N, C-alpha and C. Protein backbone atom coordinates (compact mmCIF):
# COMPACT_ATOMS: atom_id res chain seq x y z
N MET A 1 0.83 -1.33 0.13
CA MET A 1 -0.33 -0.11 -0.17
C MET A 1 0.82 1.41 0.09
N TYR A 2 0.36 2.69 -1.12
CA TYR A 2 1.43 3.77 -0.94
C TYR A 2 0.54 4.44 -0.10
N ARG A 3 1.38 5.41 0.44
CA ARG A 3 0.94 6.85 0.94
C ARG A 3 0.27 7.52 0.18
N LEU A 4 -0.57 8.40 0.15
CA LEU A 4 -1.13 9.57 -0.88
C LEU A 4 -0.59 10.62 0.08
N GLN A 5 0.25 11.75 -0.80
CA GLN A 5 0.50 13.02 -0.03
C GLN A 5 0.12 14.01 -1.39
N TYR A 6 -0.67 15.11 -0.56
CA TYR A 6 -1.27 15.82 -1.38
C TYR A 6 -0.50 17.19 -1.39
N SER A 7 -0.46 17.57 -2.77
CA SER A 7 -0.03 19.12 -3.18
C SER A 7 -0.87 20.03 -2.78
N PRO A 8 -0.37 21.27 -2.37
CA PRO A 8 -1.43 22.75 -2.17
C PRO A 8 -2.73 22.87 -3.37
N GLN A 9 -2.09 22.59 -4.34
CA GLN A 9 -3.44 22.58 -5.34
C GLN A 9 -4.12 21.25 -5.11
N ALA A 10 -4.02 20.31 -5.07
CA ALA A 10 -4.68 19.20 -4.85
C ALA A 10 -5.96 19.26 -3.78
N LYS A 11 -5.39 19.62 -2.52
CA LYS A 11 -5.78 20.24 -1.42
C LYS A 11 -7.21 21.09 -1.77
N LYS A 12 -6.87 22.28 -2.56
CA LYS A 12 -8.02 23.20 -3.08
C LYS A 12 -8.56 22.25 -4.30
N ASP A 13 -8.28 21.65 -5.09
CA ASP A 13 -8.96 20.69 -6.14
C ASP A 13 -10.33 19.78 -5.25
N ALA A 14 -9.85 18.98 -3.97
CA ALA A 14 -10.61 18.10 -3.37
C ALA A 14 -11.79 19.05 -3.29
N LYS A 15 -12.00 20.25 -2.52
CA LYS A 15 -12.73 21.03 -2.43
C LYS A 15 -14.02 21.09 -3.16
N LYS A 16 -13.24 21.72 -4.32
CA LYS A 16 -14.10 21.74 -5.75
C LYS A 16 -14.78 20.64 -6.11
N LEU A 17 -14.22 19.44 -6.19
CA LEU A 17 -14.70 17.68 -6.18
C LEU A 17 -15.72 17.56 -5.39
N ALA A 18 -15.46 18.04 -4.07
CA ALA A 18 -16.98 17.59 -3.18
C ALA A 18 -18.06 18.87 -3.68
N ASN A 19 -18.13 20.04 -4.13
CA ASN A 19 -19.05 20.59 -4.25
C ASN A 19 -19.43 20.18 -5.90
N SER A 20 -18.79 20.10 -6.80
CA SER A 20 -19.46 19.82 -7.56
C SER A 20 -19.92 17.78 -7.87
N GLY A 21 -19.79 17.35 -6.96
CA GLY A 21 -20.73 15.98 -6.60
C GLY A 21 -19.63 14.68 -7.29
N LEU A 22 -18.21 15.27 -7.34
CA LEU A 22 -17.76 13.96 -7.82
C LEU A 22 -16.36 13.37 -7.20
N LYS A 23 -16.96 14.14 -6.00
CA LYS A 23 -16.14 13.20 -4.74
C LYS A 23 -15.86 11.59 -4.43
N GLY A 24 -17.20 11.00 -4.69
CA GLY A 24 -17.14 9.32 -4.42
C GLY A 24 -16.38 9.01 -5.63
N LYS A 25 -16.54 9.48 -6.97
CA LYS A 25 -15.71 8.79 -8.35
C LYS A 25 -14.52 9.53 -7.67
N ALA A 26 -13.68 10.24 -6.83
CA ALA A 26 -12.38 10.88 -7.15
C ALA A 26 -11.69 9.77 -5.83
N GLU A 27 -12.52 9.29 -4.72
CA GLU A 27 -12.06 9.09 -3.67
C GLU A 27 -11.81 7.17 -4.20
N ALA A 28 -12.60 6.65 -5.24
CA ALA A 28 -12.68 5.42 -5.40
C ALA A 28 -11.29 5.14 -6.17
N LEU A 29 -10.84 6.55 -7.07
CA LEU A 29 -9.69 6.39 -7.94
C LEU A 29 -8.78 6.28 -6.89
N LEU A 30 -8.79 7.26 -5.65
CA LEU A 30 -7.53 7.49 -5.02
C LEU A 30 -7.28 5.96 -4.34
N ASP A 31 -8.43 5.00 -3.87
CA ASP A 31 -8.02 3.82 -3.17
C ASP A 31 -7.18 2.92 -4.18
N VAL A 32 -8.07 2.92 -5.46
CA VAL A 32 -7.34 2.14 -6.58
C VAL A 32 -5.67 2.72 -6.64
N ILE A 33 -5.16 3.84 -6.57
CA ILE A 33 -3.78 4.28 -6.34
C ILE A 33 -2.93 3.82 -5.45
N ALA A 34 -3.76 4.06 -4.14
CA ALA A 34 -3.18 3.70 -3.12
C ALA A 34 -2.70 2.30 -2.87
N ASN A 35 -3.51 1.69 -3.49
CA ASN A 35 -3.34 0.10 -3.75
C ASN A 35 -2.38 -0.27 -4.61
N ASN A 36 -2.27 0.46 -5.91
CA ASN A 36 -1.43 -0.13 -6.80
C ASN A 36 -1.53 1.19 -7.96
N PRO A 37 -0.62 2.11 -7.57
CA PRO A 37 -0.58 3.07 -8.76
C PRO A 37 -0.78 2.60 -10.10
N PHE A 38 -0.16 1.54 -10.60
CA PHE A 38 -0.18 1.33 -12.08
C PHE A 38 -1.31 0.08 -12.46
N CYS A 39 -2.06 -0.19 -11.50
CA CYS A 39 -3.07 -1.66 -11.77
C CYS A 39 -3.95 -1.00 -13.21
N TYR A 40 -4.26 -2.24 -13.92
CA TYR A 40 -5.22 -1.33 -14.63
C TYR A 40 -6.28 -2.26 -14.67
N PRO A 41 -7.79 -2.70 -15.20
CA PRO A 41 -8.45 -1.02 -15.33
C PRO A 41 -8.40 -0.42 -14.23
N PRO A 42 -8.66 0.77 -13.74
CA PRO A 42 -9.37 1.91 -14.42
C PRO A 42 -7.70 2.12 -15.77
N PRO A 43 -8.19 2.67 -16.82
CA PRO A 43 -6.75 3.01 -17.39
C PRO A 43 -6.32 4.24 -16.96
N PHE A 44 -4.83 3.90 -17.36
CA PHE A 44 -4.33 5.66 -17.03
C PHE A 44 -3.27 6.06 -18.12
N GLU A 45 -2.72 7.21 -18.18
CA GLU A 45 -1.73 7.41 -19.27
C GLU A 45 -0.69 7.97 -18.46
N HIS A 46 0.70 8.12 -19.21
CA HIS A 46 1.90 8.70 -18.80
C HIS A 46 1.79 9.75 -19.73
N LEU A 47 2.14 11.34 -18.90
CA LEU A 47 2.06 12.10 -19.45
C LEU A 47 3.25 12.55 -20.00
N ARG A 48 3.39 13.70 -20.88
CA ARG A 48 4.55 14.32 -21.62
C ARG A 48 4.80 15.91 -21.33
N GLY A 49 5.86 16.11 -21.93
CA GLY A 49 6.82 17.20 -21.64
C GLY A 49 7.04 17.95 -20.41
N ASN A 50 6.66 18.87 -19.73
CA ASN A 50 7.03 19.09 -18.32
C ASN A 50 6.35 18.38 -17.35
N LEU A 51 5.52 17.41 -17.84
CA LEU A 51 5.19 16.35 -16.60
C LEU A 51 5.38 14.80 -16.72
N GLU A 52 6.13 15.02 -17.48
CA GLU A 52 6.43 13.21 -18.16
C GLU A 52 6.82 12.44 -17.11
N GLU A 53 6.79 13.00 -15.77
CA GLU A 53 7.46 12.38 -14.52
C GLU A 53 6.08 11.73 -14.00
N PHE A 54 4.84 12.11 -14.39
CA PHE A 54 3.57 11.93 -13.73
C PHE A 54 2.78 11.11 -14.89
N VAL A 55 1.16 10.83 -13.91
CA VAL A 55 0.53 9.69 -14.45
C VAL A 55 -0.55 10.44 -14.13
N SER A 56 -1.35 10.01 -14.86
CA SER A 56 -3.18 10.61 -15.16
C SER A 56 -4.00 9.29 -15.06
N ARG A 57 -5.15 9.60 -14.38
CA ARG A 57 -6.58 8.80 -14.64
C ARG A 57 -7.77 9.72 -14.33
N ARG A 58 -8.62 9.43 -15.07
CA ARG A 58 -9.60 10.66 -15.51
C ARG A 58 -10.90 9.93 -14.31
N ILE A 59 -11.30 11.05 -13.82
CA ILE A 59 -12.62 10.92 -12.64
C ILE A 59 -13.58 11.02 -13.72
N ASN A 60 -13.46 12.01 -14.65
CA ASN A 60 -15.00 12.19 -15.72
C ASN A 60 -14.07 12.57 -17.10
N ILE A 61 -14.88 13.18 -17.97
CA ILE A 61 -14.04 13.48 -19.22
C ILE A 61 -13.48 14.32 -19.11
N GLN A 62 -13.62 15.36 -18.29
CA GLN A 62 -13.21 16.60 -18.25
C GLN A 62 -12.03 16.66 -16.74
N HIS A 63 -12.14 15.92 -16.07
CA HIS A 63 -11.44 16.04 -14.35
C HIS A 63 -10.40 14.45 -14.30
N ARG A 64 -9.41 15.02 -13.77
CA ARG A 64 -8.32 13.83 -13.76
C ARG A 64 -7.42 14.10 -12.63
N ILE A 65 -6.81 12.67 -12.04
CA ILE A 65 -5.77 13.16 -10.87
C ILE A 65 -4.70 12.95 -11.92
N VAL A 66 -3.95 13.63 -11.27
CA VAL A 66 -2.36 13.56 -11.89
C VAL A 66 -1.50 13.14 -10.72
N TYR A 67 -0.91 12.57 -10.86
CA TYR A 67 -0.04 12.10 -10.13
C TYR A 67 1.58 11.19 -10.31
N LYS A 68 2.53 11.16 -9.27
CA LYS A 68 3.52 11.14 -9.33
C LYS A 68 3.93 10.07 -8.37
N VAL A 69 4.94 8.88 -8.69
CA VAL A 69 5.20 7.87 -7.81
C VAL A 69 6.63 7.82 -7.76
N LEU A 70 6.73 8.04 -6.39
CA LEU A 70 8.07 7.73 -5.31
C LEU A 70 8.43 6.38 -4.99
N GLU A 71 8.97 5.75 -5.96
CA GLU A 71 8.60 3.84 -5.60
C GLU A 71 9.39 3.79 -4.22
N GLU A 72 10.52 4.10 -4.28
CA GLU A 72 11.69 3.83 -3.04
C GLU A 72 10.63 4.24 -1.71
N GLU A 73 10.55 5.37 -1.35
CA GLU A 73 9.65 6.16 -0.26
C GLU A 73 8.30 5.33 -0.38
N ASN A 74 7.78 4.66 -1.09
CA ASN A 74 6.50 4.03 -1.21
C ASN A 74 5.34 5.03 -0.71
N ILE A 75 5.56 6.28 -1.93
CA ILE A 75 4.52 7.79 -1.96
C ILE A 75 3.72 7.76 -3.17
N VAL A 76 2.65 8.29 -2.93
CA VAL A 76 2.35 8.67 -4.37
C VAL A 76 1.74 10.31 -4.25
N MET A 77 2.29 11.16 -4.65
CA MET A 77 2.41 12.57 -4.71
C MET A 77 1.06 13.00 -5.42
N ILE A 78 -0.29 13.71 -4.99
CA ILE A 78 -1.32 13.82 -5.66
C ILE A 78 -0.90 15.45 -6.43
N LEU A 79 -0.80 15.56 -7.60
CA LEU A 79 -0.90 17.10 -7.80
C LEU A 79 -1.78 18.02 -8.18
N ARG A 80 -2.59 17.08 -9.08
CA ARG A 80 -3.94 17.83 -9.39
C ARG A 80 -5.22 16.78 -9.25
N MET A 81 -6.14 17.65 -8.94
CA MET A 81 -7.59 16.15 -9.02
C MET A 81 -8.73 17.27 -9.65
N TRP A 82 -8.24 18.38 -10.72
CA TRP A 82 -9.44 18.91 -11.37
C TRP A 82 -8.69 19.08 -12.04
N THR A 83 -9.79 19.92 -13.68
CA THR A 83 -9.20 20.42 -15.03
C THR A 83 -7.93 21.28 -14.94
N HIS A 84 -6.96 20.99 -16.13
CA HIS A 84 -6.39 22.07 -16.49
C HIS A 84 -6.48 22.38 -17.53
N TYR A 85 -8.05 22.88 -18.11
CA TYR A 85 -8.16 22.96 -19.37
C TYR A 85 -9.24 24.15 -19.15
N GLU A 86 -9.26 24.61 -17.85
CA GLU A 86 -9.21 26.12 -17.68
C GLU A 86 -8.87 27.40 -17.70
């Protein structure tokens, strides 16, 4: 099991998710990520460019969880949990 750590932005995003009714879906994904950040399904994708160290999983068509796995520390850093399209 991995320990989840949240960035300040992810903490803000969690409040938005709760207000939008997506909290349950996000929590289910976070449970999957905590157990095995690379398990499939649900699908995940490795990001490119300046976020190439990060992985994302979709909460819905617009919002996704973006995270980085620190294997040696057994930690998953949650970077974002809201859209990046705004």
